[in-house]
Amino acid sequence: MSPSIWQILIILVIVLLLFGPSKIPGLGKSLGEAIRGFKKGISEDPEIDVTDSAKREQIADNEKAGSGQKTKAKETNKS
């Protein structure tokens, strides 16, 4: 069941009373930007990670090794 014209007018009057005539254009603009951003997010293709699992493991191992070297360097500087 769709709202009648009177129900829509009552809602518009309440919105006008709550926000005032100066804020209505800003609300419309921000609502339009939000809808545009939502549509853009839906229409974009998600990025697909094509890196194979072996390469990901190697990268993770390199990162772990790098953080371990920093820790050892800090320990030797304390001595």
PDB file of N, CA and C in Angstrom:
ATOM      1  N   MET A   1       0.847  -1.172   0.000  1.00  0.00           N
ATOM      2  CA  MET A   1       0.000   0.000   0.000  1.00  0.00           C
ATOM      3  C   MET A   1       0.893   1.236   0.000  1.00  0.00           C
ATOM      4  N   SER A   2       0.735   2.081  -0.976  1.00  0.00           N
ATOM      5  CA  SER A   2       1.571   3.277  -1.085  1.00  0.00           C
ATOM      6  C   SER A   2       0.954   4.420  -0.277  1.00  0.00           C
ATOM      7  N   PRO A   3       1.814   5.323   0.211  1.00  0.00           N
ATOM      8  CA  PRO A   3       1.288   6.445   0.997  1.00  0.00           C
ATOM      9  C   PRO A   3       0.514   7.418   0.105  1.00  0.00           C
ATOM     10  N   SER A   4      -0.523   8.004   0.668  1.00  0.00           N
ATOM     11  CA  SER A   4      -1.320   8.969  -0.092  1.00  0.00           C
ATOM     12  C   SER A   4      -0.606  10.315  -0.122  1.00  0.00           C
ATOM     13  N   ILE A   5      -1.119  11.223  -0.915  1.00  0.00           N
ATOM     14  CA  ILE A   5      -0.510  12.555  -1.048  1.00  0.00           C
ATOM     15  C   ILE A   5      -0.549  13.298   0.284  1.00  0.00           C
ATOM     16  N   TRP A   6      -1.605  13.091   1.083  1.00  0.00           N
ATOM     17  CA  TRP A   6      -1.719  13.776   2.363  1.00  0.00           C
ATOM     18  C   TRP A   6      -0.670  13.276   3.354  1.00  0.00           C
ATOM     19  N   GLN A   7      -0.401  12.002   3.330  1.00  0.00           N
ATOM     20  CA  GLN A   7       0.626  11.460   4.222  1.00  0.00           C
ATOM     21  C   GLN A   7       2.001  12.002   3.853  1.00  0.00           C
ATOM     22  N   ILE A   8       2.283  12.098   2.564  1.00  0.00           N
ATOM     23  CA  ILE A   8       3.565  12.646   2.108  1.00  0.00           C
ATOM     24  C   ILE A   8       3.688  14.110   2.501  1.00  0.00           C
ATOM     25  N   LEU A   9       2.604  14.890   2.342  1.00  0.00           N
ATOM     26  CA  LEU A   9       2.633  16.303   2.718  1.00  0.00           C
ATOM     27  C   LEU A   9       2.862  16.475   4.218  1.00  0.00           C
ATOM     28  N   ILE A  10       2.235  15.655   5.026  1.00  0.00           N
ATOM     29  CA  ILE A  10       2.429  15.740   6.479  1.00  0.00           C
ATOM     30  C   ILE A  10       3.882  15.443   6.838  1.00  0.00           C
ATOM     31  N   ILE A  11       4.468  14.437   6.215  1.00  0.00           N
ATOM     32  CA  ILE A  11       5.873  14.106   6.473  1.00  0.00           C
ATOM     33  C   ILE A  11       6.776  15.260   6.055  1.00  0.00           C
ATOM     34  N   LEU A  12       6.508  15.861   4.901  1.00  0.00           N
ATOM     35  CA  LEU A  12       7.318  16.992   4.439  1.00  0.00           C
ATOM     36  C   LEU A  12       7.214  18.186   5.383  1.00  0.00           C
ATOM     37  N   VAL A  13       6.024  18.461   5.900  1.00  0.00           N
ATOM     38  CA  VAL A  13       5.851  19.569   6.840  1.00  0.00           C
ATOM     39  C   VAL A  13       6.621  19.288   8.130  1.00  0.00           C
ATOM     40  N   ILE A  14       6.579  18.066   8.613  1.00  0.00           N
ATOM     41  CA  ILE A  14       7.316  17.714   9.833  1.00  0.00           C
ATOM     42  C   ILE A  14       8.819  17.867   9.613  1.00  0.00           C
ATOM     43  N   VAL A  15       9.313  17.416   8.471  1.00  0.00           N
ATOM     44  CA  VAL A  15      10.739  17.561   8.155  1.00  0.00           C
ATOM     45  C   VAL A  15      11.109  19.036   8.080  1.00  0.00           C
ATOM     46  N   LEU A  16      10.257  19.838   7.467  1.00  0.00           N
ATOM     47  CA  LEU A  16      10.512  21.277   7.361  1.00  0.00           C
ATOM     48  C   LEU A  16      10.558  21.919   8.743  1.00  0.00           C
ATOM     49  N   LEU A  17       9.665  21.522   9.628  1.00  0.00           N
ATOM     50  CA  LEU A  17       9.655  22.077  10.981  1.00  0.00           C
ATOM     51  C   LEU A  17      10.873  21.637  11.791  1.00  0.00           C
ATOM     52  N   LEU A  18      11.297  20.393  11.609  1.00  0.00           N
ATOM     53  CA  LEU A  18      12.436  19.887  12.375  1.00  0.00           C
ATOM     54  C   LEU A  18      13.761  20.501  11.933  1.00  0.00           C
ATOM     55  N   PHE A  19      13.986  20.576  10.638  1.00  0.00           N
ATOM     56  CA  PHE A  19      15.299  20.991  10.134  1.00  0.00           C
ATOM     57  C   PHE A  19      15.351  22.440   9.674  1.00  0.00           C
ATOM     58  N   GLY A  20      14.232  23.034   9.353  1.00  0.00           N
ATOM     59  CA  GLY A  20      14.219  24.406   8.884  1.00  0.00           C
ATOM     60  C   GLY A  20      14.500  24.484   7.399  1.00  0.00           C
ATOM     61  N   PRO A  21      14.082  25.584   6.782  1.00  0.00           N
ATOM     62  CA  PRO A  21      14.227  25.706   5.322  1.00  0.00           C
ATOM     63  C   PRO A  21      15.678  25.831   4.854  1.00  0.00           C
ATOM     64  N   SER A  22      16.575  26.281   5.709  1.00  0.00           N
ATOM     65  CA  SER A  22      17.962  26.470   5.270  1.00  0.00           C
ATOM     66  C   SER A  22      18.740  25.157   5.209  1.00  0.00           C
ATOM     67  N   LYS A  23      18.335  24.156   5.975  1.00  0.00           N
ATOM     68  CA  LYS A  23      19.082  22.891   6.012  1.00  0.00           C
ATOM     69  C   LYS A  23      18.567  21.855   5.021  1.00  0.00           C
ATOM     70  N   ILE A  24      17.392  22.048   4.467  1.00  0.00           N
ATOM     71  CA  ILE A  24      16.800  21.059   3.558  1.00  0.00           C
ATOM     72  C   ILE A  24      17.677  20.826   2.324  1.00  0.00           C
ATOM     73  N   PRO A  25      18.195  21.868   1.646  1.00  0.00           N
ATOM     74  CA  PRO A  25      19.053  21.599   0.474  1.00  0.00           C
ATOM     75  C   PRO A  25      20.311  20.807   0.830  1.00  0.00           C
ATOM     76  N   GLY A  26      20.910  21.095   1.967  1.00  0.00           N
ATOM     77  CA  GLY A  26      22.094  20.353   2.399  1.00  0.00           C
ATOM     78  C   GLY A  26      21.782  18.894   2.673  1.00  0.00           C
ATOM     79  N   LEU A  27      20.625  18.639   3.265  1.00  0.00           N
ATOM     80  CA  LEU A  27      20.212  17.257   3.513  1.00  0.00           C
ATOM     81  C   LEU A  27      19.986  16.514   2.204  1.00  0.00           C
ATOM     82  N   GLY A  28      19.358  17.190   1.240  1.00  0.00           N
ATOM     83  CA  GLY A  28      19.132  16.568  -0.064  1.00  0.00           C
ATOM     84  C   GLY A  28      20.439  16.260  -0.769  1.00  0.00           C
ATOM     85  N   LYS A  29      21.391  17.194  -0.669  1.00  0.00           N
ATOM     86  CA  LYS A  29      22.691  16.995  -1.312  1.00  0.00           C
ATOM     87  C   LYS A  29      23.429  15.814  -0.693  1.00  0.00           C
ATOM     88  N   SER A  30      23.461  15.751   0.630  1.00  0.00           N
ATOM     89  CA  SER A  30      24.173  14.651   1.283  1.00  0.00           C
ATOM     90  C   SER A  30      23.484  13.312   1.036  1.00  0.00           C
ATOM     91  N   LEU A  31      22.161  13.316   0.957  1.00  0.00           N
ATOM     92  CA  LEU A  31      21.440  12.084   0.644  1.00  0.00           C
ATOM     93  C   LEU A  31      21.759  11.626  -0.776  1.00  0.00           C
ATOM     94  N   GLY A  32      21.809  12.566  -1.723  1.00  0.00           N
ATOM     95  CA  GLY A  32      22.161  12.227  -3.104  1.00  0.00           C
ATOM     96  C   GLY A  32      23.568  11.674  -3.217  1.00  0.00           C
ATOM     97  N   GLU A  33      24.520  12.277  -2.495  1.00  0.00           N
ATOM     98  CA  GLU A  33      25.903  11.784  -2.517  1.00  0.00           C
ATOM     99  C   GLU A  33      25.996  10.382  -1.920  1.00  0.00           C
ATOM    100  N   ALA A  34      25.233  10.140  -0.870  1.00  0.00           N
ATOM    101  CA  ALA A  34      25.250   8.815  -0.249  1.00  0.00           C
ATOM    102  C   ALA A  34      24.696   7.761  -1.200  1.00  0.00           C
ATOM    103  N   ILE A  35      23.623   8.092  -1.889  1.00  0.00           N
ATOM    104  CA  ILE A  35      23.033   7.147  -2.844  1.00  0.00           C
ATOM    105  C   ILE A  35      23.997   6.890  -3.993  1.00  0.00           C
ATOM    106  N   ARG A  36      24.640   7.957  -4.494  1.00  0.00           N
ATOM    107  CA  ARG A  36      25.616   7.804  -5.580  1.00  0.00           C
ATOM    108  C   ARG A  36      26.784   6.918  -5.156  1.00  0.00           C
ATOM    109  N   GLY A  37      27.295   7.142  -3.962  1.00  0.00           N
ATOM    110  CA  GLY A  37      28.400   6.328  -3.458  1.00  0.00           C
ATOM    111  C   GLY A  37      28.006   4.872  -3.291  1.00  0.00           C
ATOM    112  N   PHE A  38      26.781   4.650  -2.833  1.00  0.00           N
ATOM    113  CA  PHE A  38      26.297   3.282  -2.666  1.00  0.00           C
ATOM    114  C   PHE A  38      26.189   2.580  -4.015  1.00  0.00           C
ATOM    115  N   LYS A  39      25.631   3.265  -5.003  1.00  0.00           N
ATOM    116  CA  LYS A  39      25.501   2.674  -6.341  1.00  0.00           C
ATOM    117  C   LYS A  39      26.871   2.404  -6.948  1.00  0.00           C
ATOM    118  N   LYS A  40      27.816   3.320  -6.739  1.00  0.00           N
ATOM    119  CA  LYS A  40      29.164   3.132  -7.271  1.00  0.00           C
ATOM    120  C   LYS A  40      29.833   1.928  -6.618  1.00  0.00           C
ATOM    121  N   GLY A  41      29.650   1.778  -5.329  1.00  0.00           N
ATOM    122  CA  GLY A  41      30.230   0.643  -4.617  1.00  0.00           C
ATOM    123  C   GLY A  41      29.662  -0.683  -5.079  1.00  0.00           C
ATOM    124  N   ILE A  42      28.395  -0.700  -5.419  1.00  0.00           N
ATOM    125  CA  ILE A  42      27.770  -1.935  -5.890  1.00  0.00           C
ATOM    126  C   ILE A  42      28.219  -2.270  -7.301  1.00  0.00           C
ATOM    127  N   SER A  43      28.359  -1.252  -8.147  1.00  0.00           N
ATOM    128  CA  SER A  43      28.669  -1.510  -9.555  1.00  0.00           C
ATOM    129  C   SER A  43      30.136  -1.847  -9.795  1.00  0.00           C
ATOM    130  N   GLU A  44      31.040  -1.484  -8.876  1.00  0.00           N
ATOM    131  CA  GLU A  44      32.459  -1.778  -9.069  1.00  0.00           C
ATOM    132  C   GLU A  44      32.726  -3.262  -8.869  1.00  0.00           C
ATOM    133  N   ASP A  45      33.633  -3.792  -9.672  1.00  0.00           N
ATOM    134  CA  ASP A  45      34.033  -5.185  -9.528  1.00  0.00           C
ATOM    135  C   ASP A  45      34.968  -5.306  -8.328  1.00  0.00           C
ATOM    136  N   PRO A  46      34.787  -6.318  -7.523  1.00  0.00           N
ATOM    137  CA  PRO A  46      35.705  -6.495  -6.394  1.00  0.00           C
ATOM    138  C   PRO A  46      37.088  -6.898  -6.891  1.00  0.00           C
ATOM    139  N   GLU A  47      38.103  -6.444  -6.167  1.00  0.00           N
ATOM    140  CA  GLU A  47      39.464  -6.812  -6.545  1.00  0.00           C
ATOM    141  C   GLU A  47      39.697  -8.275  -6.202  1.00  0.00           C
ATOM    142  N   ILE A  48      40.305  -8.988  -7.123  1.00  0.00           N
ATOM    143  CA  ILE A  48      40.571 -10.406  -6.924  1.00  0.00           C
ATOM    144  C   ILE A  48      42.058 -10.580  -6.677  1.00  0.00           C
ATOM    145  N   ASP A  49      42.397 -11.278  -5.598  1.00  0.00           N
ATOM    146  CA  ASP A  49      43.793 -11.548  -5.267  1.00  0.00           C
ATOM    147  C   ASP A  49      44.247 -12.750  -6.086  1.00  0.00           C
ATOM    148  N   VAL A  50      45.159 -12.492  -7.038  1.00  0.00           N
ATOM    149  CA  VAL A  50      45.624 -13.570  -7.909  1.00  0.00           C
ATOM    150  C   VAL A  50      46.955 -14.140  -7.444  1.00  0.00           C
ATOM    151  N   THR A  51      47.446 -13.693  -6.299  1.00  0.00           N
ATOM    152  CA  THR A  51      48.698 -14.199  -5.762  1.00  0.00           C
ATOM    153  C   THR A  51      48.488 -15.635  -5.300  1.00  0.00           C
ATOM    154  N   ASP A  52      49.370 -16.516  -5.708  1.00  0.00           N
ATOM    155  CA  ASP A  52      49.220 -17.906  -5.294  1.00  0.00           C
ATOM    156  C   ASP A  52      49.603 -18.064  -3.822  1.00  0.00           C
ATOM    157  N   SER A  53      49.162 -19.148  -3.230  1.00  0.00           N
ATOM    158  CA  SER A  53      49.344 -19.338  -1.792  1.00  0.00           C
ATOM    159  C   SER A  53      50.813 -19.459  -1.405  1.00  0.00           C
ATOM    160  N   ALA A  54      51.642 -20.046  -2.266  1.00  0.00           N
ATOM    161  CA  ALA A  54      53.063 -20.192  -1.943  1.00  0.00           C
ATOM    162  C   ALA A  54      53.731 -18.822  -1.835  1.00  0.00           C
ATOM    163  N   LYS A  55      53.369 -17.918  -2.736  1.00  0.00           N
ATOM    164  CA  LYS A  55      53.967 -16.586  -2.704  1.00  0.00           C
ATOM    165  C   LYS A  55      53.488 -15.821  -1.472  1.00  0.00           C
ATOM    166  N   ARG A  56      52.206 -15.976  -1.101  1.00  0.00           N
ATOM    167  CA  ARG A  56      51.696 -15.323   0.097  1.00  0.00           C
ATOM    168  C   ARG A  56      52.420 -15.818   1.342  1.00  0.00           C
ATOM    169  N   GLU A  57      52.682 -17.118   1.412  1.00  0.00           N
ATOM    170  CA  GLU A  57      53.417 -17.671   2.554  1.00  0.00           C
ATOM    171  C   GLU A  57      54.830 -17.117   2.610  1.00  0.00           C
ATOM    172  N   GLN A  58      55.460 -16.976   1.448  1.00  0.00           N
ATOM    173  CA  GLN A  58      56.818 -16.448   1.394  1.00  0.00           C
ATOM    174  C   GLN A  58      56.835 -14.995   1.870  1.00  0.00           C
ATOM    175  N   ILE A  59      55.855 -14.222   1.452  1.00  0.00           N
ATOM    176  CA  ILE A  59      55.778 -12.825   1.876  1.00  0.00           C
ATOM    177  C   ILE A  59      55.571 -12.754   3.386  1.00  0.00           C
ATOM    178  N   ALA A  60      54.699 -13.601   3.921  1.00  0.00           N
ATOM    179  CA  ALA A  60      54.450 -13.617   5.362  1.00  0.00           C
ATOM    180  C   ALA A  60      55.709 -14.005   6.127  1.00  0.00           C
ATOM    181  N   ASP A  61      56.451 -14.996   5.608  1.00  0.00           N
ATOM    182  CA  ASP A  61      57.693 -15.410   6.261  1.00  0.00           C
ATOM    183  C   ASP A  61      58.718 -14.283   6.248  1.00  0.00           C
ATOM    184  N   ASN A  62      58.813 -13.563   5.135  1.00  0.00           N
ATOM    185  CA  ASN A  62      59.748 -12.440   5.044  1.00  0.00           C
ATOM    186  C   ASN A  62      59.385 -11.347   6.042  1.00  0.00           C
ATOM    187  N   GLU A  63      58.091 -11.086   6.196  1.00  0.00           N
ATOM    188  CA  GLU A  63      57.671 -10.066   7.149  1.00  0.00           C
ATOM    189  C   GLU A  63      57.989 -10.491   8.577  1.00  0.00           C
ATOM    190  N   LYS A  64      57.776 -11.768   8.886  1.00  0.00           N
ATOM    191  CA  LYS A  64      58.099 -12.268  10.224  1.00  0.00           C
ATOM    192  C   LYS A  64      59.596 -12.187  10.483  1.00  0.00           C
ATOM    193  N   ALA A  65      60.393 -12.545   9.486  1.00  0.00           N
ATOM    194  CA  ALA A  65      61.846 -12.502   9.636  1.00  0.00           C
ATOM    195  C   ALA A  65      62.311 -11.063   9.824  1.00  0.00           C
ATOM    196  N   GLY A  66      61.720 -10.137   9.121  1.00  0.00           N
ATOM    197  CA  GLY A  66      62.087  -8.729   9.246  1.00  0.00           C
ATOM    198  C   GLY A  66      61.768  -8.187  10.618  1.00  0.00           C
ATOM    199  N   SER A  67      60.628  -8.554  11.178  1.00  0.00           N
ATOM    200  CA  SER A  67      60.278  -8.068  12.511  1.00  0.00           C
ATOM    201  C   SER A  67      61.158  -8.712  13.572  1.00  0.00           C
ATOM    202  N   GLY A  68      61.602  -9.940  13.355  1.00  0.00           N
ATOM    203  CA  GLY A  68      62.499 -10.608  14.292  1.00  0.00           C
ATOM    204  C   GLY A  68      63.858  -9.949  14.323  1.00  0.00           C
ATOM    205  N   GLN A  69      64.348  -9.483  13.190  1.00  0.00           N
ATOM    206  CA  GLN A  69      65.645  -8.818  13.130  1.00  0.00           C
ATOM    207  C   GLN A  69      65.597  -7.498  13.873  1.00  0.00           C
ATOM    208  N   LYS A  70      64.498  -6.791  13.789  1.00  0.00           N
ATOM    209  CA  LYS A  70      64.385  -5.524  14.503  1.00  0.00           C
ATOM    210  C   LYS A  70      64.414  -5.757  16.005  1.00  0.00           C
ATOM    211  N   THR A  71      63.760  -6.816  16.454  1.00  0.00           N
ATOM    212  CA  THR A  71      63.744  -7.129  17.878  1.00  0.00           C
ATOM    213  C   THR A  71      65.143  -7.475  18.364  1.00  0.00           C
ATOM    214  N   LYS A  72      65.881  -8.278  17.606  1.00  0.00           N
ATOM    215  CA  LYS A  72      67.238  -8.652  17.990  1.00  0.00           C
ATOM    216  C   LYS A  72      68.137  -7.425  18.031  1.00  0.00           C
ATOM    217  N   ALA A  73      67.957  -6.515  17.093  1.00  0.00           N
ATOM    218  CA  ALA A  73      68.785  -5.311  17.062  1.00  0.00           C
ATOM    219  C   ALA A  73      68.527  -4.459  18.296  1.00  0.00           C
ATOM    220  N   LYS A  74      67.281  -4.373  18.745  1.00  0.00           N
ATOM    221  CA  LYS A  74      66.964  -3.604  19.940  1.00  0.00           C
ATOM    222  C   LYS A  74      67.599  -4.231  21.169  1.00  0.00           C
ATOM    223  N   GLU A  75      67.588  -5.569  21.234  1.00  0.00           N
ATOM    224  CA  GLU A  75      68.170  -6.259  22.381  1.00  0.00           C
ATOM    225  C   GLU A  75      69.676  -6.045  22.446  1.00  0.00           C
ATOM    226  N   THR A  76      70.377  -6.041  21.313  1.00  0.00           N
ATOM    227  CA  THR A  76      71.826  -5.846  21.320  1.00  0.00           C
ATOM    228  C   THR A  76      72.166  -4.404  21.663  1.00  0.00           C
ATOM    229  N   ASN A  77      71.319  -3.455  21.316  1.00  0.00           N
ATOM    230  CA  ASN A  77      71.575  -2.057  21.647  1.00  0.00           C
ATOM    231  C   ASN A  77      71.417  -1.804  23.141  1.00  0.00           C
ATOM    232  N   LYS A  78      70.584  -2.587  23.822  1.00  0.00           N
ATOM    233  CA  LYS A  78      70.377  -2.421  25.256  1.00  0.00           C
ATOM    234  C   LYS A  78      71.587  -2.880  26.055  1.00  0.00           C
ATOM    235  N   SER A  79      72.368  -3.827  25.543  1.00  0.00           N
ATOM    236  CA  SER A  79      73.501  -4.391  26.281  1.00  0.00           C
ATOM    237  C   SER A  79      74.636  -3.431  26.403  1.00  0.00           C
TER     238      SER A  79
END
